Each structure stands twice: as C-alpha cells, then as structure tokens.
C-alpha atoms as a PDB file:
ATOM      1  CA  MET A   1     -22.146  51.381  29.829  1.00  0.00           C
ATOM      2  CA  SER A   2     -24.579  49.304  27.784  1.00  0.00           C
ATOM      3  CA  LYS A   3     -24.451  45.519  27.579  1.00  0.00           C
ATOM      4  CA  GLN A   4     -23.854  45.809  23.828  1.00  0.00           C
ATOM      5  CA  LEU A   5     -20.823  48.060  24.378  1.00  0.00           C
ATOM      6  CA  ILE A   6     -19.360  45.534  26.832  1.00  0.00           C
ATOM      7  CA  GLN A   7     -19.871  42.728  24.290  1.00  0.00           C
ATOM      8  CA  ILE A   8     -18.263  44.749  21.482  1.00  0.00           C
ATOM      9  CA  ALA A   9     -15.339  45.580  23.785  1.00  0.00           C
ATOM     10  CA  LYS A  10     -14.823  41.899  24.618  1.00  0.00           C
ATOM     11  CA  ARG A  11     -14.908  40.944  20.924  1.00  0.00           C
ATOM     12  CA  LEU A  12     -12.433  43.715  20.106  1.00  0.00           C
ATOM     13  CA  LYS A  13      -9.974  42.398  22.690  1.00  0.00           C
ATOM     14  CA  LYS A  14     -10.533  38.761  21.669  1.00  0.00           C
ATOM     15  CA  VAL A  15      -9.838  39.473  17.981  1.00  0.00           C
ATOM     16  CA  ARG A  16      -6.635  41.337  18.874  1.00  0.00           C
ATOM     17  CA  GLU A  17      -5.471  38.490  21.083  1.00  0.00           C
ATOM     18  CA  GLU A  18      -6.417  35.830  18.503  1.00  0.00           C
ATOM     19  CA  ASN A  19      -4.223  37.692  16.011  1.00  0.00           C
ATOM     20  CA  GLU A  20      -1.428  37.602  18.621  1.00  0.00           C
ATOM     21  CA  ILE A  21      -1.089  41.386  18.575  1.00  0.00           C
ATOM     22  CA  SER A  22       0.141  43.074  21.729  1.00  0.00           C
ATOM     23  CA  LEU A  23      -1.895  45.868  23.237  1.00  0.00           C
ATOM     24  CA  GLU A  24       1.078  48.212  22.911  1.00  0.00           C
ATOM     25  CA  TRP A  25       1.600  47.434  19.209  1.00  0.00           C
ATOM     26  CA  ALA A  26      -2.125  47.806  18.443  1.00  0.00           C
ATOM     27  CA  ALA A  27      -2.347  51.087  20.364  1.00  0.00           C
ATOM     28  CA  ALA A  28       0.579  52.493  18.381  1.00  0.00           C
ATOM     29  CA  ALA A  29      -0.968  51.290  15.096  1.00  0.00           C
ATOM     30  CA  PHE A  30      -4.258  53.012  15.992  1.00  0.00           C
ATOM     31  CA  GLU A  31      -2.433  56.139  17.230  1.00  0.00           C
ATOM     32  CA  LEU A  32      -3.876  55.677  20.728  1.00  0.00           C
ATOM     33  CA  SER A  33      -2.227  55.360  24.087  1.00  0.00           C
ATOM     34  CA  PRO A  34      -2.229  51.839  25.560  1.00  0.00           C
ATOM     35  CA  ASN A  35      -4.572  53.149  28.287  1.00  0.00           C
ATOM     36  CA  GLU A  36      -7.066  54.428  25.680  1.00  0.00           C
ATOM     37  CA  LEU A  37      -7.112  51.062  23.889  1.00  0.00           C
ATOM     38  CA  ARG A  38      -7.330  49.226  27.222  1.00  0.00           C
ATOM     39  CA  ALA A  39     -10.376  51.378  28.130  1.00  0.00           C
ATOM     40  CA  TYR A  40     -12.038  50.540  24.787  1.00  0.00           C
ATOM     41  CA  GLU A  41     -11.360  46.827  25.268  1.00  0.00           C
ATOM     42  CA  ALA A  42     -12.748  46.931  28.812  1.00  0.00           C
ATOM     43  CA  GLY A  43     -15.923  48.731  27.761  1.00  0.00           C
ATOM     44  CA  GLU A  44     -15.053  51.671  29.994  1.00  0.00           C
ATOM     45  CA  GLU A  45     -15.114  54.234  27.169  1.00  0.00           C
ATOM     46  CA  GLU A  46     -17.484  54.724  24.269  1.00  0.00           C
ATOM     47  CA  ILE A  47     -15.901  53.272  21.141  1.00  0.00           C
ATOM     48  CA  PRO A  48     -16.288  55.452  18.035  1.00  0.00           C
ATOM     49  CA  VAL A  49     -17.703  53.495  15.086  1.00  0.00           C
ATOM     50  CA  SER A  50     -14.883  54.974  13.016  1.00  0.00           C
ATOM     51  CA  PHE A  51     -12.385  53.252  15.340  1.00  0.00           C
ATOM     52  CA  LEU A  52     -14.272  49.944  15.086  1.00  0.00           C
ATOM     53  CA  TYR A  53     -14.215  50.233  11.292  1.00  0.00           C
ATOM     54  CA  VAL A  54     -10.436  50.735  11.266  1.00  0.00           C
ATOM     55  CA  ALA A  55      -9.877  47.976  13.855  1.00  0.00           C
ATOM     56  CA  ALA A  56     -11.941  45.522  11.818  1.00  0.00           C
ATOM     57  CA  LYS A  57      -9.839  46.270   8.723  1.00  0.00           C
ATOM     58  CA  LYS A  58      -6.533  45.929  10.614  1.00  0.00           C
ATOM     59  CA  TYR A  59      -7.623  42.704  12.323  1.00  0.00           C
ATOM     60  CA  GLY A  60      -9.006  41.178   9.116  1.00  0.00           C
ATOM     61  CA  VAL A  61     -12.628  40.832  10.250  1.00  0.00           C
ATOM     62  CA  GLU A  62     -15.895  42.410   9.169  1.00  0.00           C
ATOM     63  CA  LEU A  63     -17.201  45.363  11.182  1.00  0.00           C
ATOM     64  CA  SER A  64     -20.463  43.475  11.667  1.00  0.00           C
ATOM     65  CA  GLU A  65     -18.515  40.650  13.341  1.00  0.00           C
ATOM     66  CA  LEU A  66     -17.243  43.097  15.978  1.00  0.00           C
ATOM     67  CA  LEU A  67     -20.735  44.556  16.367  1.00  0.00           C
ATOM     68  CA  THR A  68     -22.767  41.342  16.488  1.00  0.00           C
ATOM     69  CA  GLY A  69     -20.343  38.500  17.175  1.00  0.00           C
ATOM     70  CA  GLU A  70     -21.487  36.755  13.998  1.00  0.00           C
ATOM     71  CA  GLU A  71     -19.443  36.387  10.850  1.00  0.00           C
ATOM     72  CA  PRO A  72     -21.367  37.598   7.772  1.00  0.00           C
ATOM     73  CA  SER A  73     -22.121  34.830   5.312  1.00  0.00           C
ATOM     74  CA  GLN A  74     -24.139  36.304   2.437  1.00  0.00           C
ATOM     75  CA  GLN A  75     -22.160  36.304  -0.821  1.00  0.00           C
ATOM     76  CA  LEU A  76     -24.701  37.100  -3.555  1.00  0.00           C
ATOM     77  CA  TYR A  77     -26.746  39.766  -1.784  1.00  0.00           C
ATOM     78  CA  ALA A  78     -27.895  40.929   1.625  1.00  0.00           C
ATOM     79  CA  LEU A  79     -31.419  42.326   1.790  1.00  0.00           C
ATOM     80  CA  THR A  80     -32.243  44.550   4.742  1.00  0.00           C
ATOM     81  CA  ARG A  81     -35.908  45.500   5.052  1.00  0.00           C
ATOM     82  CA  ALA A  82     -36.937  48.953   6.281  1.00  0.00           C
ATOM     83  CA  GLY A  83     -36.192  49.325   9.969  1.00  0.00           C
ATOM     84  CA  GLN A  84     -34.512  45.901  10.168  1.00  0.00           C
ATOM     85  CA  GLY A  85     -30.841  46.932  10.077  1.00  0.00           C
ATOM     86  CA  ILE A  86     -28.577  45.803  12.888  1.00  0.00           C
ATOM     87  CA  SER A  87     -28.855  48.461  15.591  1.00  0.00           C
ATOM     88  CA  VAL A  88     -25.609  49.559  17.119  1.00  0.00           C
ATOM     89  CA  ASP A  89     -26.256  50.922  20.611  1.00  0.00           C
ATOM     90  CA  ARG A  90     -22.709  51.808  21.565  1.00  0.00           C
ATOM     91  CA  GLN A  91     -22.300  55.530  21.638  1.00  0.00           C
ATOM     92  CA  LYS A  92     -24.409  58.154  23.393  1.00  0.00           C
ATOM     93  CA  ALA A  93     -23.904  60.741  20.660  1.00  0.00           C
ATOM     94  CA  TYR A  94     -25.502  58.773  17.804  1.00  0.00           C
ATOM     95  CA  ASP A  95     -27.634  55.702  17.100  1.00  0.00           C
ATOM     96  CA  TYR A  96     -26.245  53.608  14.237  1.00  0.00           C
ATOM     97  CA  GLN A  97     -28.005  50.980  12.157  1.00  0.00           C
ATOM     98  CA  SER A  98     -25.895  48.778   9.874  1.00  0.00           C
ATOM     99  CA  LEU A  99     -27.656  48.211   6.557  1.00  0.00           C
ATOM    100  CA  CYS A 100     -25.781  45.149   5.305  1.00  0.00           C
ATOM    101  CA  ALA A 101     -24.309  43.370   8.316  1.00  0.00           C
ATOM    102  CA  GLY A 102     -24.846  39.925   6.777  1.00  0.00           C
ATOM    103  CA  PHE A 103     -22.918  40.608   3.561  1.00  0.00           C
ATOM    104  CA  ALA A 104     -19.403  39.154   3.508  1.00  0.00           C
ATOM    105  CA  ASN A 105     -16.318  40.917   2.119  1.00  0.00           C
ATOM    106  CA  LYS A 106     -17.883  44.381   1.921  1.00  0.00           C
ATOM    107  CA  LYS A 107     -15.935  47.191   0.281  1.00  0.00           C
ATOM    108  CA  ILE A 108     -18.217  49.800   1.890  1.00  0.00           C
ATOM    109  CA  GLU A 109     -20.015  50.123   5.215  1.00  0.00           C
ATOM    110  CA  PRO A 110     -23.485  51.713   4.823  1.00  0.00           C
ATOM    111  CA  LEU A 111     -25.150  52.952   8.018  1.00  0.00           C
ATOM    112  CA  VAL A 112     -28.231  54.945   8.920  1.00  0.00           C
ATOM    113  CA  VAL A 113     -27.313  57.336  11.700  1.00  0.00           C
ATOM    114  CA  GLN A 114     -29.798  59.012  14.028  1.00  0.00           C
ATOM    115  CA  VAL A 115     -28.327  62.264  15.312  1.00  0.00           C
ATOM    116  CA  PRO A 116     -30.235  63.522  18.370  1.00  0.00           C
ATOM    117  CA  PRO A 117     -30.412  67.224  19.207  1.00  0.00           C
ATOM    118  CA  GLU A 118     -27.459  68.339  21.295  1.00  0.00           C
ATOM    119  CA  LYS A 119     -27.593  69.764  24.759  1.00  0.00           C
ATOM    120  CA  PRO A 120     -26.295  73.349  24.884  1.00  0.00           C
ATOM    121  CA  ASP A 121     -23.176  72.279  26.827  1.00  0.00           C
ATOM    122  CA  ALA A 122     -22.338  69.339  24.520  1.00  0.00           C
ATOM    123  CA  VAL A 123     -18.716  68.972  23.411  1.00  0.00           C
ATOM    124  CA  HIS A 124     -18.020  67.778  19.866  1.00  0.00           C
ATOM    125  CA  ARG A 125     -16.341  64.383  19.655  1.00  0.00           C
ATOM    126  CA  PHE A 126     -14.204  64.433  16.550  1.00  0.00           C
ATOM    127  CA  ASN A 127     -13.365  61.245  14.665  1.00  0.00           C
ATOM    128  CA  THR A 128     -10.612  60.414  12.209  1.00  0.00           C
ATOM    129  CA  HIS A 129      -9.971  57.213  10.282  1.00  0.00           C
ATOM    130  CA  PRO A 130      -8.513  56.172   6.943  1.00  0.00           C
ATOM    131  CA  GLY A 131     -10.690  56.270   3.866  1.00  0.00           C
ATOM    132  CA  GLN A 132     -13.650  58.339   2.815  1.00  0.00           C
ATOM    133  CA  GLU A 133     -17.179  59.031   4.044  1.00  0.00           C
ATOM    134  CA  PHE A 134     -20.339  59.875   2.174  1.00  0.00           C
ATOM    135  CA  HIS A 135     -23.260  61.511   4.014  1.00  0.00           C
ATOM    136  CA  TYR A 136     -26.782  61.946   2.630  1.00  0.00           C
ATOM    137  CA  VAL A 137     -29.308  63.784   4.791  1.00  0.00           C
ATOM    138  CA  LEU A 138     -32.638  61.943   4.995  1.00  0.00           C
ATOM    139  CA  SER A 139     -34.348  64.247   7.490  1.00  0.00           C
ATOM    140  CA  GLY A 140     -33.522  67.182   9.734  1.00  0.00           C
ATOM    141  CA  ARG A 141     -30.605  69.550   9.387  1.00  0.00           C
ATOM    142  CA  ILE A 142     -27.029  68.810  10.394  1.00  0.00           C
ATOM    143  CA  GLU A 143     -23.775  70.649  10.732  1.00  0.00           C
ATOM    144  CA  VAL A 144     -20.701  68.708   9.682  1.00  0.00           C
ATOM    145  CA  THR A 145     -17.362  70.058  10.839  1.00  0.00           C
ATOM    146  CA  ILE A 146     -14.316  68.914   8.868  1.00  0.00           C
ATOM    147  CA  ASN A 147     -11.132  70.359  10.345  1.00  0.00           C
ATOM    148  CA  ASP A 148     -12.102  74.062  10.532  1.00  0.00           C
ATOM    149  CA  ALA A 149     -14.837  74.022   7.879  1.00  0.00           C
ATOM    150  CA  ARG A 150     -18.463  74.020   9.089  1.00  0.00           C
ATOM    151  CA  LEU A 151     -21.019  72.847   6.557  1.00  0.00           C
ATOM    152  CA  VAL A 152     -24.810  72.890   6.995  1.00  0.00           C
ATOM    153  CA  LEU A 153     -26.707  70.129   5.200  1.00  0.00           C
ATOM    154  CA  GLU A 154     -30.460  69.798   4.713  1.00  0.00           C
ATOM    155  CA  PRO A 155     -32.631  66.898   3.470  1.00  0.00           C
ATOM    156  CA  GLY A 156     -31.420  65.762   0.058  1.00  0.00           C
ATOM    157  CA  ASP A 157     -27.947  67.302   0.503  1.00  0.00           C
ATOM    158  CA  SER A 158     -24.915  65.049   0.319  1.00  0.00           C
ATOM    159  CA  LEU A 159     -21.273  65.340   1.278  1.00  0.00           C
ATOM    160  CA  MET A 160     -18.178  63.274   0.512  1.00  0.00           C
ATOM    161  CA  PHE A 161     -14.886  63.815   2.334  1.00  0.00           C
ATOM    162  CA  GLN A 162     -11.539  62.301   3.258  1.00  0.00           C
ATOM    163  CA  SER A 163     -12.192  60.858   6.705  1.00  0.00           C
ATOM    164  CA  GLU A 164      -8.602  61.052   7.925  1.00  0.00           C
ATOM    165  CA  ASN A 165      -9.477  64.708   8.563  1.00  0.00           C
ATOM    166  CA  LYS A 166     -11.049  65.331  11.956  1.00  0.00           C
ATOM    167  CA  HIS A 167     -14.817  65.438  11.593  1.00  0.00           C
ATOM    168  CA  ALA A 168     -17.939  65.713  13.729  1.00  0.00           C
ATOM    169  CA  ILE A 169     -21.706  65.906  13.170  1.00  0.00           C
ATOM    170  CA  LYS A 170     -24.426  67.655  15.116  1.00  0.00           C
ATOM    171  CA  ALA A 171     -28.156  68.084  14.578  1.00  0.00           C
ATOM    172  CA  LEU A 172     -29.408  71.645  14.232  1.00  0.00           C
ATOM    173  CA  ASP A 173     -32.565  73.471  15.304  1.00  0.00           C
ATOM    174  CA  GLN A 174     -32.971  71.302  18.435  1.00  0.00           C
ATOM    175  CA  ASN A 175     -34.447  68.565  16.201  1.00  0.00           C
ATOM    176  CA  PRO A 176     -33.136  65.067  15.504  1.00  0.00           C
ATOM    177  CA  ALA A 177     -31.672  64.294  12.105  1.00  0.00           C
ATOM    178  CA  GLU A 178     -31.300  61.063  10.145  1.00  0.00           C
ATOM    179  CA  ILE A 179     -28.475  60.525   7.664  1.00  0.00           C
ATOM    180  CA  LEU A 180     -27.212  57.768   5.432  1.00  0.00           C
ATOM    181  CA  VAL A 181     -23.469  57.357   5.978  1.00  0.00           C
ATOM    182  CA  VAL A 182     -21.289  55.213   3.734  1.00  0.00           C
ATOM    183  CA  ILE A 183     -17.752  54.541   4.927  1.00  0.00           C
ATOM    184  CA  VAL A 184     -15.234  53.420   2.318  1.00  0.00           C
END
C-alpha cells in the first residue's frame, strides 16, 4: 500500500481514538465489521473516499484533514490553481484531486477524479454513503451504475444522485476519463 494510504489510515484511527469512540461502536455506525474498520485503520485495505467523507462528518473533522493531516484554515475563499489540487493517492481504481482542501467548514466536497481504463477482468467496487453526488464529465466517456441502472455519460453530461444507493464508475472505450465530482 502507498505511504499516503498508511498516513490516512493512521489519521483515521487517531481521530476515532481522540473522540473516545470504540472500534466496535464506529464499525457499527459505519455499517462495517470491526475487522473491516481495523483493516482500514491499519492501511491494509484501500479506503473508499466515500467512506472517508462519511468518517470525517461523523468524527467532526474536515475530509482534507484526514487526507493531508492539516486542518483547513481559509474562511473567506480558497483558490486552487489548475493542476494544484491536493492529490489523493489512496485507491487503485481512481486518482482523486481535492479542489478546496484549505477551505474550512465546507458544505460540499469538490473533487476531480481521473478514471483509468479498466482491465477486462476488473470487478466493480460499489460505494454507498449518505448525501448526494454530482458528476460532470470533463473528458472521456464513463458508465455510472446506480443500483441496477447503467448510465453512459459523455463530455458535458452531468448526473446527480442519492449516494446512499450503491454506485460505481468505469471509463469506457479503453480510454481514461476525467470527471468533476461534488459530494454533498
């Protein structure tokens, strides 16, 4: 696993312990087994960004604090220049870039997501979390699966959905895709 994943895992465990929350209670709250949460906190399993988003909300910290170890401090605005977002190298399936990591008390979490082409034997990893997601395709073509619905999106297409439904994304045509994702 990557060094960044190990660091995120350590911060995840530290925040839980600082809040004096038992592993068993947290696992039940996140609808995980204690072993699944233990594996996340040890950096033994890839941690879905959707899980980190929910954990940050439950633990009362910003997602960017779990990702970077730094508490956001910008109150008026947070400017992120092209290509300068905080890269999140923590899951093999996608490459995330946070677009406003330094802004405190965010109500939304905007990310640019690079979706690489899948290998023919790839298995979809579905995510679920409270709230809503907005996707806007910047380049490439993607297929978004929400429960049993399969939707194909092309550049300029957008999609909003309730993210407590199981959902997954894959790039089509053996080409990478880039999407703007906003989690609310």
